[in-house]
Amino acid sequence: MLIAASTAALVIPVISTPAAAATYEDSCFSAGVAVAGASGGGRWDYASRTKLDPMTLFVTDRKADGHSVGVRLVTRRSDGTNAYWAWHRVYAGSGNTQSWGTNLTDSAGVRQAWTQVAVFEGDAVLQLCVTPTGTNQYW
């Protein structure tokens, strides 16, 4: 289940404490996508070889240009193929941030995970930013 909530946080630093050693967090704020009008990323804990829990994805529309923005999770499975999960989109316009709290279980395995942040014209991706890859320590 996805839960939508507004958030004022734009960029959250990487957290590394003994209790949260399995946490991955990164943001996408590359020049190309930020100029085009989006920033965002994700945060999750690797709970096992097949599960991310909890997980939060977030994106901000940074430009009043009539384009929507979105964020999605990409995972690398145990066989080396990538799984491209559903886009989460913001249509409300410039200055709006959306976050989605959820979890992911994939029986094919989750070796690595990262997010893609994009600016859209309809369903076409105009600009795309890819966050650094987080590696699951259970592998």
Protein backbone atom coordinates (compact mmCIF):
# COMPACT_ATOMS: atom_id res chain seq x y z
CA MET A 1 0.00 0.00 0.00
CA LEU A 2 1.31 3.45 -0.87
CA ILE A 3 0.61 6.38 1.42
CA ALA A 4 0.99 9.89 0.04
CA ALA A 5 2.14 12.72 2.28
CA SER A 6 3.56 16.15 1.79
CA THR A 7 7.00 16.81 3.15
CA ALA A 8 9.17 19.89 3.48
CA ALA A 9 12.42 17.93 3.33
CA LEU A 10 14.15 18.17 -0.03
CA VAL A 11 17.53 16.53 0.39
CA ILE A 12 18.25 14.16 3.25
CA PRO A 13 21.83 13.14 4.06
CA VAL A 14 22.98 9.54 4.23
CA ILE A 15 22.40 8.08 7.68
CA SER A 16 24.84 5.54 9.05
CA THR A 17 24.47 4.44 12.65
CA PRO A 18 24.96 1.00 14.18
CA ALA A 19 21.18 0.53 14.48
CA ALA A 20 20.64 1.63 10.86
CA ALA A 21 23.64 0.04 9.16
CA ALA A 22 21.39 -1.48 6.48
CA THR A 23 19.88 1.87 5.46
CA TYR A 24 20.39 3.30 1.98
CA GLU A 25 19.46 6.87 1.17
CA ASP A 26 20.31 9.19 -1.70
CA SER A 27 18.87 12.05 -3.67
CA CYS A 28 18.86 13.12 -7.29
CA PHE A 29 19.69 16.76 -7.85
CA SER A 30 21.76 16.70 -11.02
CA ALA A 31 22.16 19.91 -12.99
CA GLY A 32 20.21 18.59 -15.98
CA VAL A 33 17.15 17.41 -14.10
CA ALA A 34 17.17 20.26 -11.57
CA VAL A 35 17.26 22.77 -14.42
CA ALA A 36 14.49 20.81 -16.13
CA GLY A 37 12.50 20.98 -12.90
CA ALA A 38 12.76 17.90 -10.66
CA SER A 39 14.64 16.63 -7.64
CA GLY A 40 14.03 13.56 -5.53
CA GLY A 41 15.24 10.13 -4.51
CA GLY A 42 14.62 7.42 -1.97
CA ARG A 43 15.43 5.87 1.36
CA TRP A 44 15.10 2.25 2.43
CA ASP A 45 16.41 -0.47 4.69
CA TYR A 46 17.57 -3.77 3.26
CA ALA A 47 15.61 -6.18 5.44
CA SER A 48 16.78 -9.39 3.68
CA ARG A 49 17.98 -10.67 0.28
CA THR A 50 14.46 -10.11 -1.10
CA LYS A 51 12.98 -7.22 0.89
CA LEU A 52 13.26 -3.45 1.30
CA ASP A 53 11.39 -2.34 4.40
CA PRO A 54 10.66 0.40 5.19
CA MET A 55 11.01 2.35 1.95
CA THR A 56 10.21 5.97 1.06
CA LEU A 57 10.36 7.55 -2.39
CA PHE A 58 10.09 11.32 -2.84
CA VAL A 59 10.07 13.89 -5.64
CA THR A 60 9.72 17.68 -5.90
CA ASP A 61 8.51 19.71 -8.87
CA ARG A 62 10.97 22.62 -9.05
CA LYS A 63 9.81 24.52 -12.12
CA ALA A 64 6.53 26.14 -13.23
CA ASP A 65 6.65 24.69 -16.74
CA GLY A 66 3.51 22.57 -17.02
CA HIS A 67 5.46 19.29 -16.84
CA SER A 68 4.87 16.58 -14.28
CA VAL A 69 7.71 14.93 -12.35
CA GLY A 70 8.17 11.41 -11.03
CA VAL A 71 10.33 8.98 -9.11
CA ARG A 72 10.63 5.20 -9.33
CA LEU A 73 12.67 2.41 -7.82
CA VAL A 74 14.94 0.20 -9.93
CA THR A 75 16.36 -3.03 -8.49
CA ARG A 76 18.95 -5.49 -9.70
CA ARG A 77 17.80 -9.05 -9.16
CA SER A 78 19.92 -12.08 -8.25
CA ASP A 79 20.18 -13.11 -11.93
CA GLY A 80 21.58 -9.67 -12.88
CA THR A 81 18.44 -8.35 -14.61
CA ASN A 82 16.90 -5.02 -13.62
CA ALA A 83 13.33 -4.58 -12.39
CA TYR A 84 11.83 -1.17 -13.19
CA TRP A 85 9.04 -0.49 -10.69
CA ALA A 86 6.07 1.85 -11.21
CA TRP A 87 6.54 5.61 -11.51
CA HIS A 88 5.15 7.77 -8.70
CA ARG A 89 4.16 11.12 -10.20
CA VAL A 90 3.43 14.66 -9.02
CA TYR A 91 1.02 16.63 -11.18
CA ALA A 92 0.27 19.49 -8.73
CA GLY A 93 2.88 21.90 -10.12
CA SER A 94 5.96 23.81 -9.05
CA GLY A 95 6.92 23.76 -5.39
CA ASN A 96 5.00 20.59 -4.60
CA THR A 97 6.74 17.63 -2.97
CA GLN A 98 5.25 14.19 -2.63
CA SER A 99 6.53 11.16 -0.73
CA TRP A 100 5.37 7.58 -0.72
CA GLY A 101 6.00 5.21 2.17
CA THR A 102 5.88 1.52 1.31
CA ASN A 103 7.98 -1.67 1.16
CA LEU A 104 9.09 -4.07 -1.55
CA THR A 105 9.43 -7.84 -1.65
CA ASP A 106 10.80 -9.51 -4.77
CA SER A 107 11.28 -13.28 -4.71
CA ALA A 108 13.81 -12.87 -7.57
CA GLY A 109 16.09 -11.06 -5.12
CA VAL A 110 17.22 -7.49 -4.51
CA ARG A 111 21.02 -7.29 -4.88
CA GLN A 112 21.09 -3.54 -5.51
CA ALA A 113 18.61 -0.68 -5.67
CA TRP A 114 18.51 2.93 -6.87
CA THR A 115 15.98 5.51 -7.98
CA GLN A 116 15.27 7.38 -11.18
CA VAL A 117 13.86 10.92 -11.06
CA ALA A 118 12.30 12.32 -14.22
CA VAL A 119 10.51 15.25 -15.83
CA PHE A 120 7.61 14.21 -18.09
CA GLU A 121 5.64 15.59 -20.99
CA GLY A 122 2.56 13.37 -20.82
CA ASP A 123 4.04 9.86 -20.59
CA ALA A 124 7.31 10.77 -22.36
CA VAL A 125 10.44 11.24 -20.23
CA LEU A 126 12.12 14.56 -21.07
CA GLN A 127 14.96 14.45 -18.50
CA LEU A 128 16.19 11.64 -16.26
CA CYS A 129 18.50 11.50 -13.25
CA VAL A 130 19.73 8.24 -11.71
CA THR A 131 20.83 8.13 -8.07
CA PRO A 132 23.90 6.17 -6.97
CA THR A 133 23.35 2.45 -6.47
CA GLY A 134 22.92 1.00 -2.99
CA THR A 135 24.15 -2.56 -2.48
CA ASN A 136 22.27 -5.02 -0.30
CA GLN A 137 24.62 -6.21 2.45
CA TYR A 138 22.76 -9.54 2.76
CA TRP A 139 24.31 -10.74 -0.55
